[in-house]
Amino acid sequence: MSRNNSAVIALIITATLIVLIGLTGASTPQRSSNALANSASLALPPTVTDTPSPTTPTATATPQPTATLARREFNEGDGVKFVPTVFLPGRGPTLPGEMVYSGRRLDVYVGGGTFSADEVASLGVKAEWALSYIQKRFDAELTRRISVGVYSTSQAPGKGTRGIAYTYGDTNVRIYYRPGEDQHDALVVLSHEMAHALQAEAYGKDAQSRSDTVLLEGLASWISGEYWLSLSGATSFQSRARELYQSGYTGNLATLGRGSLDVAYDMWAGFVDYLGRTYGWEKFNRLYLSGRGRSPGSADYQGVYGKSFQELYTEWYATLK
């Protein structure tokens, strides 16, 4: 091959390579700054947040509630409050009756002589929404499924008992209603009983079994939040306690449970709310863990606050006048 022919061929090869390089560059899109940012974020490790110890849960501050919120229909997708996204696998303990609803965290059973199966299934859906609300409010979550039983008042373990939570073994809660009774009231009582399950989850079952009744029931009502307040139409636990105090409930806070339990639970919830807001929830958690039995006012108030139970509720009463 002559020198001239070799030069021509070399020029053709060089030109072809230049064209190919240009085409390759044109076919490769450039990442935008957003794409780069997204790519970088995927490479980062997940953010680690501090999880409260199961023996020292953090209760959230009391929001400004509206007394009618709990009577809304909490339908998935309507954007209202808390979406129940967590799914707990398996089954809760088997209860008497027919299982009529299995949700993300609850298995719901119905017996005879109470609401219909369809009504109880609808109550189960609403209970899932209520559970999302109280978990968010108390900053604690169930780690295992629980079962809910809805039964006739004739099956209640005590006269006038509307709800009970069994939290020491396999956790389950039960409520007792007659056909045709107010299903919203049943949902409120159920939210209170599920709050007991959250207490056991947060503080431990041993601490739950020996907790002071004022704290046990007052905190469960407080956790129920807007659901509980909807029964009285009050806008806060303090406004409800003030109403009761000014109507004559001014005596020993520990003995209120011998009269109307509704009044006792309202006042005890107000006292819990006062302790949390005034002295902080860290001290309240220590107080709850100091329980020495169910006797009202028997926790170690002196050791935690430097004040007796009577001194603390008298101090609170002064704010209600």
Protein backbone atom coordinates (compact mmCIF):
# COMPACT_ATOMS: atom_id res chain seq x y z
CA MET A 1 0.00 0.00 0.00
CA SER A 2 1.37 3.41 -0.95
CA ARG A 3 2.15 6.06 1.67
CA ASN A 4 -0.66 8.29 0.29
CA ASN A 5 -3.24 5.50 0.53
CA SER A 6 -2.17 4.77 4.12
CA ALA A 7 -2.63 8.44 5.08
CA VAL A 8 -6.13 8.52 3.58
CA ILE A 9 -7.14 5.39 5.48
CA ALA A 10 -5.74 6.83 8.73
CA LEU A 11 -7.77 10.02 8.23
CA ILE A 12 -10.97 7.99 7.64
CA ILE A 13 -10.41 5.93 10.84
CA THR A 14 -9.73 9.08 12.89
CA ALA A 15 -12.88 10.81 11.62
CA THR A 16 -14.98 7.72 12.35
CA LEU A 17 -13.68 7.56 15.94
CA ILE A 18 -14.50 11.26 16.49
CA VAL A 19 -18.09 10.74 15.25
CA LEU A 20 -18.56 7.66 17.44
CA ILE A 21 -17.28 9.46 20.54
CA GLY A 22 -19.64 12.37 19.83
CA LEU A 23 -22.62 10.04 19.44
CA THR A 24 -21.79 8.20 22.67
CA GLY A 25 -21.61 11.46 24.60
CA ALA A 26 -24.95 12.63 23.19
CA SER A 27 -26.68 9.42 24.22
CA THR A 28 -25.64 9.74 27.92
CA PRO A 29 -27.96 12.18 29.77
CA GLN A 30 -26.46 14.39 32.45
CA ARG A 31 -27.86 14.00 36.02
CA SER A 32 -29.56 17.03 37.44
CA SER A 33 -28.50 18.32 40.85
CA ASN A 34 -31.72 16.79 42.27
CA ALA A 35 -30.89 13.40 40.84
CA LEU A 36 -27.44 13.58 42.38
CA ALA A 37 -28.90 14.58 45.71
CA ASN A 38 -31.33 11.67 45.58
CA SER A 39 -28.55 9.29 44.67
CA ALA A 40 -26.44 10.55 47.57
CA SER A 41 -29.29 10.24 50.03
CA LEU A 42 -29.83 6.61 49.09
CA ALA A 43 -26.21 5.90 49.91
CA LEU A 44 -26.48 7.37 53.42
CA PRO A 45 -27.19 5.07 56.39
CA PRO A 46 -30.66 5.40 57.94
CA THR A 47 -31.07 7.98 60.67
CA VAL A 48 -30.97 6.42 64.11
CA THR A 49 -33.36 7.95 66.62
CA ASP A 50 -33.32 7.46 70.35
CA THR A 51 -36.00 4.95 71.29
CA PRO A 52 -37.45 5.38 74.79
CA SER A 53 -36.56 2.57 77.15
CA PRO A 54 -39.52 0.25 77.74
CA THR A 55 -39.32 1.13 81.43
CA THR A 56 -39.17 4.88 80.93
CA PRO A 57 -41.65 5.88 78.23
CA THR A 58 -42.09 9.48 77.25
CA ALA A 59 -45.62 10.77 77.35
CA THR A 60 -46.30 13.57 74.89
CA ALA A 61 -47.58 16.98 75.85
CA THR A 62 -51.33 17.42 76.03
CA PRO A 63 -52.68 18.85 72.77
CA GLN A 64 -55.56 21.29 72.68
CA PRO A 65 -58.38 18.88 71.88
CA THR A 66 -61.79 19.37 70.40
CA ALA A 67 -64.43 17.41 72.26
CA THR A 68 -66.16 16.24 69.11
CA LEU A 69 -63.12 14.86 67.28
CA ALA A 70 -63.59 11.29 68.50
CA ARG A 71 -67.10 11.18 67.03
CA ARG A 72 -65.76 11.68 63.51
CA GLU A 73 -65.75 8.78 61.12
CA PHE A 74 -62.05 7.90 60.82
CA ASN A 75 -61.98 6.54 57.30
CA GLU A 76 -58.70 5.47 55.77
CA GLY A 77 -57.59 7.97 53.15
CA ASP A 78 -59.54 10.97 54.42
CA GLY A 79 -56.39 12.58 55.81
CA VAL A 80 -57.69 12.75 59.38
CA LYS A 81 -55.07 12.42 62.08
CA PHE A 82 -53.27 9.08 62.35
CA VAL A 83 -53.10 6.36 59.71
CA PRO A 84 -52.72 2.81 61.13
CA THR A 85 -49.77 1.75 58.96
CA VAL A 86 -48.05 -0.75 61.28
CA PHE A 87 -49.00 -4.40 60.78
CA LEU A 88 -48.33 -6.94 63.52
CA PRO A 89 -48.24 -10.53 62.19
CA GLY A 90 -49.82 -13.61 63.73
CA ARG A 91 -52.92 -13.77 65.89
CA GLY A 92 -53.84 -12.48 69.30
CA PRO A 93 -55.07 -14.90 71.97
CA THR A 94 -58.23 -16.79 71.07
CA LEU A 95 -61.30 -15.47 72.90
CA PRO A 96 -64.82 -16.88 73.30
CA GLY A 97 -67.26 -16.13 70.51
CA GLU A 98 -66.84 -15.48 66.81
CA MET A 99 -63.95 -13.54 65.31
CA VAL A 100 -65.56 -10.88 63.14
CA TYR A 101 -62.62 -8.60 62.35
CA SER A 102 -58.87 -8.96 61.99
CA GLY A 103 -57.07 -5.67 61.44
CA ARG A 104 -53.49 -4.50 61.46
CA ARG A 105 -53.02 -5.03 65.19
CA LEU A 106 -56.36 -6.18 66.59
CA ASP A 107 -58.38 -9.39 66.39
CA VAL A 108 -61.98 -8.73 67.41
CA TYR A 109 -64.47 -11.29 68.77
CA VAL A 110 -68.17 -11.01 69.57
CA GLY A 111 -70.35 -13.07 71.89
CA GLY A 112 -74.12 -13.24 72.28
CA GLY A 113 -76.44 -10.65 73.78
CA THR A 114 -74.46 -7.61 72.67
CA PHE A 115 -73.99 -5.60 69.47
CA SER A 116 -74.45 -7.44 66.17
CA ALA A 117 -71.49 -9.02 64.39
CA ASP A 118 -71.53 -6.25 61.76
CA GLU A 119 -71.60 -3.56 64.44
CA VAL A 120 -68.67 -5.15 66.26
CA ALA A 121 -66.70 -5.45 63.01
CA SER A 122 -67.30 -1.72 62.42
CA LEU A 123 -66.22 -1.04 66.00
CA GLY A 124 -63.01 -2.97 65.28
CA VAL A 125 -62.19 -0.68 62.36
CA LYS A 126 -62.72 2.39 64.55
CA ALA A 127 -60.66 0.80 67.30
CA GLU A 128 -57.69 0.53 64.91
CA TRP A 129 -57.90 4.28 64.35
CA ALA A 130 -58.25 4.92 68.07
CA LEU A 131 -55.18 2.75 68.71
CA SER A 132 -53.14 4.78 66.23
CA TYR A 133 -54.21 7.95 68.03
CA ILE A 134 -53.38 6.75 71.55
CA GLN A 135 -50.04 5.25 70.46
CA LYS A 136 -49.05 8.59 68.97
CA ARG A 137 -50.25 10.46 72.06
CA PHE A 138 -48.41 8.23 74.55
CA ASP A 139 -45.35 7.64 72.35
CA ALA A 140 -45.54 3.87 72.82
CA GLU A 141 -46.52 1.06 70.47
CA LEU A 142 -47.78 -2.48 70.73
CA THR A 143 -45.22 -5.09 69.74
CA ARG A 144 -47.67 -8.01 69.62
CA ARG A 145 -51.26 -8.33 68.44
CA ILE A 146 -53.99 -8.10 71.03
CA SER A 147 -57.50 -9.53 71.00
CA VAL A 148 -60.67 -7.60 71.75
CA GLY A 149 -63.85 -9.25 73.00
CA VAL A 150 -67.30 -7.63 72.96
CA TYR A 151 -69.79 -9.37 75.23
CA SER A 152 -73.10 -9.00 77.03
CA THR A 153 -73.23 -7.09 80.31
CA SER A 154 -74.37 -10.35 81.92
CA GLN A 155 -70.87 -11.73 81.34
CA ALA A 156 -69.05 -8.82 83.01
CA PRO A 157 -66.77 -9.86 85.91
CA GLY A 158 -68.39 -7.32 88.22
CA LYS A 159 -71.62 -5.35 88.48
CA GLY A 160 -71.39 -2.21 86.36
CA THR A 161 -68.09 -3.26 84.74
CA ARG A 162 -67.93 -1.97 81.18
CA GLY A 163 -64.37 -2.90 80.30
CA ILE A 164 -61.36 -4.80 81.56
CA ALA A 165 -57.81 -5.29 80.30
CA TYR A 166 -55.86 -8.47 80.96
CA THR A 167 -52.25 -7.39 80.57
CA TYR A 168 -50.14 -9.82 82.57
CA GLY A 169 -50.36 -12.93 80.40
CA ASP A 170 -51.51 -12.88 76.77
CA THR A 171 -52.86 -9.37 76.45
CA ASN A 172 -56.54 -9.06 75.66
CA VAL A 173 -59.24 -6.53 76.44
CA ARG A 174 -62.99 -6.99 76.81
CA ILE A 175 -65.97 -4.66 76.91
CA TYR A 176 -69.56 -5.36 77.96
CA TYR A 177 -72.62 -3.81 76.29
CA ARG A 178 -76.26 -4.57 75.56
CA PRO A 179 -77.79 -4.41 72.07
CA GLY A 180 -78.78 -0.88 71.09
CA GLU A 181 -76.46 0.92 73.54
CA ASP A 182 -74.26 3.83 72.44
CA GLN A 183 -71.46 2.40 70.32
CA HIS A 184 -69.39 5.54 70.67
CA ASP A 185 -69.34 5.08 74.44
CA ALA A 186 -68.20 1.51 73.82
CA LEU A 187 -65.37 2.81 71.61
CA VAL A 188 -64.28 5.22 74.36
CA VAL A 189 -64.19 2.45 76.96
CA LEU A 190 -62.30 0.27 74.49
CA SER A 191 -59.73 3.04 73.91
CA HIS A 192 -59.25 3.24 77.71
CA GLU A 193 -58.68 -0.52 77.94
CA MET A 194 -56.25 -0.48 75.01
CA ALA A 195 -54.40 2.30 76.85
CA HIS A 196 -53.84 -0.18 79.70
CA ALA A 197 -52.23 -2.52 77.15
CA LEU A 198 -49.93 0.33 76.09
CA GLN A 199 -49.02 1.02 79.73
CA ALA A 200 -47.96 -2.60 80.15
CA GLU A 201 -45.97 -2.36 76.91
CA ALA A 202 -44.24 0.82 78.02
CA TYR A 203 -43.55 0.22 81.72
CA GLY A 204 -43.42 -3.58 81.78
CA LYS A 205 -46.02 -6.06 82.98
CA ASP A 206 -44.58 -6.33 86.49
CA ALA A 207 -44.77 -2.57 87.04
CA GLN A 208 -48.27 -2.57 85.59
CA SER A 209 -49.41 -5.26 88.02
CA ARG A 210 -48.46 -3.14 91.06
CA SER A 211 -49.22 0.37 89.85
CA ASP A 212 -51.07 2.86 92.06
CA THR A 213 -54.75 2.91 90.98
CA VAL A 214 -54.80 6.73 90.75
CA LEU A 215 -51.96 6.56 88.24
CA LEU A 216 -53.14 3.38 86.53
CA GLU A 217 -56.64 4.64 85.73
CA GLY A 218 -55.80 8.34 85.51
CA LEU A 219 -53.08 7.72 82.93
CA ALA A 220 -55.26 5.35 80.88
CA SER A 221 -57.97 8.05 80.69
CA TRP A 222 -55.31 10.65 79.83
CA ILE A 223 -53.91 8.44 77.07
CA SER A 224 -57.43 8.11 75.63
CA GLY A 225 -57.32 11.89 75.19
CA GLU A 226 -60.02 13.29 72.95
CA TYR A 227 -61.96 10.04 73.05
CA TRP A 228 -62.30 10.23 76.83
CA LEU A 229 -63.04 13.97 76.81
CA SER A 230 -65.82 13.45 74.28
CA LEU A 231 -67.92 11.81 77.00
CA SER A 232 -68.13 15.05 78.99
CA GLY A 233 -67.73 17.51 76.12
CA ALA A 234 -64.77 19.10 77.96
CA THR A 235 -61.98 20.78 76.02
CA SER A 236 -59.19 19.64 78.35
CA PHE A 237 -58.60 17.47 81.40
CA GLN A 238 -58.05 20.56 83.52
CA SER A 239 -61.31 22.18 82.46
CA ARG A 240 -63.17 18.96 83.28
CA ALA A 241 -61.44 18.67 86.68
CA ARG A 242 -62.23 22.32 87.44
CA GLU A 243 -65.90 21.75 86.64
CA LEU A 244 -66.02 18.77 89.00
CA TYR A 245 -64.03 20.49 91.74
CA GLN A 246 -66.27 23.53 91.70
CA SER A 247 -69.33 21.28 91.88
CA GLY A 248 -68.10 19.85 95.19
CA TYR A 249 -65.54 17.12 94.51
CA THR A 250 -62.91 18.60 96.79
CA GLY A 251 -62.09 15.78 99.21
CA ASN A 252 -59.47 13.07 99.40
CA LEU A 253 -58.43 12.28 95.83
CA ALA A 254 -57.72 8.66 96.76
CA THR A 255 -61.26 7.91 97.94
CA LEU A 256 -63.12 9.26 94.91
CA GLY A 257 -63.22 5.76 93.46
CA ARG A 258 -65.64 4.69 96.22
CA GLY A 259 -68.28 6.88 94.63
CA SER A 260 -68.69 7.49 90.91
CA LEU A 261 -65.93 5.85 88.91
CA ASP A 262 -66.57 8.28 86.05
CA VAL A 263 -65.83 11.22 88.36
CA ALA A 264 -62.82 9.46 89.86
CA TYR A 265 -61.32 8.68 86.44
CA ASP A 266 -61.87 12.27 85.26
CA MET A 267 -60.24 13.73 88.38
CA TRP A 268 -57.39 11.24 88.34
CA ALA A 269 -56.72 12.03 84.67
CA GLY A 270 -56.61 15.73 85.58
CA PHE A 271 -54.12 14.99 88.37
CA VAL A 272 -51.91 12.95 86.01
CA ASP A 273 -52.07 15.79 83.48
CA TYR A 274 -51.08 18.29 86.19
CA LEU A 275 -48.10 16.22 87.35
CA GLY A 276 -46.84 15.76 83.80
CA ARG A 277 -47.16 19.42 82.82
CA THR A 278 -45.87 20.83 86.13
CA TYR A 279 -43.01 18.49 87.01
CA GLY A 280 -42.26 16.77 83.70
CA TRP A 281 -43.02 13.31 82.37
CA GLU A 282 -39.64 11.89 83.36
CA LYS A 283 -40.53 12.23 87.03
CA PHE A 284 -44.02 10.91 86.37
CA ASN A 285 -42.54 7.78 84.76
CA ARG A 286 -40.39 7.22 87.85
CA LEU A 287 -43.48 7.66 90.00
CA TYR A 288 -45.45 5.10 87.98
CA LEU A 289 -42.63 2.58 88.29
CA SER A 290 -42.53 3.10 92.07
CA GLY A 291 -45.94 1.49 92.53
CA ARG A 292 -46.22 -0.76 95.55
CA GLY A 293 -49.74 -2.06 95.00
CA ARG A 294 -53.15 -1.01 93.76
CA SER A 295 -53.95 1.15 96.80
CA PRO A 296 -54.78 4.69 95.57
CA GLY A 297 -52.04 7.16 96.49
CA SER A 298 -49.55 4.43 97.46
CA ALA A 299 -46.77 5.20 94.95
CA ASP A 300 -43.61 6.88 96.21
CA TYR A 301 -44.73 10.51 95.73
CA GLN A 302 -42.45 11.70 98.54
CA GLY A 303 -39.40 10.00 97.10
CA VAL A 304 -39.97 11.28 93.55
CA TYR A 305 -41.34 14.79 94.19
CA GLY A 306 -40.30 15.51 97.77
CA LYS A 307 -44.00 15.98 98.57
CA SER A 308 -46.68 13.62 99.82
CA PHE A 309 -49.64 12.52 97.75
CA GLN A 310 -51.92 14.78 99.80
CA GLU A 311 -49.60 17.78 99.42
CA LEU A 312 -49.50 17.29 95.66
CA TYR A 313 -53.25 16.97 95.10
CA THR A 314 -53.92 19.89 97.48
CA GLU A 315 -51.46 21.94 95.44
CA TRP A 316 -53.32 20.91 92.29
CA TYR A 317 -56.72 21.68 93.80
CA ALA A 318 -55.55 25.25 94.40
CA THR A 319 -55.24 25.71 90.62
CA LEU A 320 -58.86 24.60 90.10
CA LYS A 321 -60.53 27.20 92.35
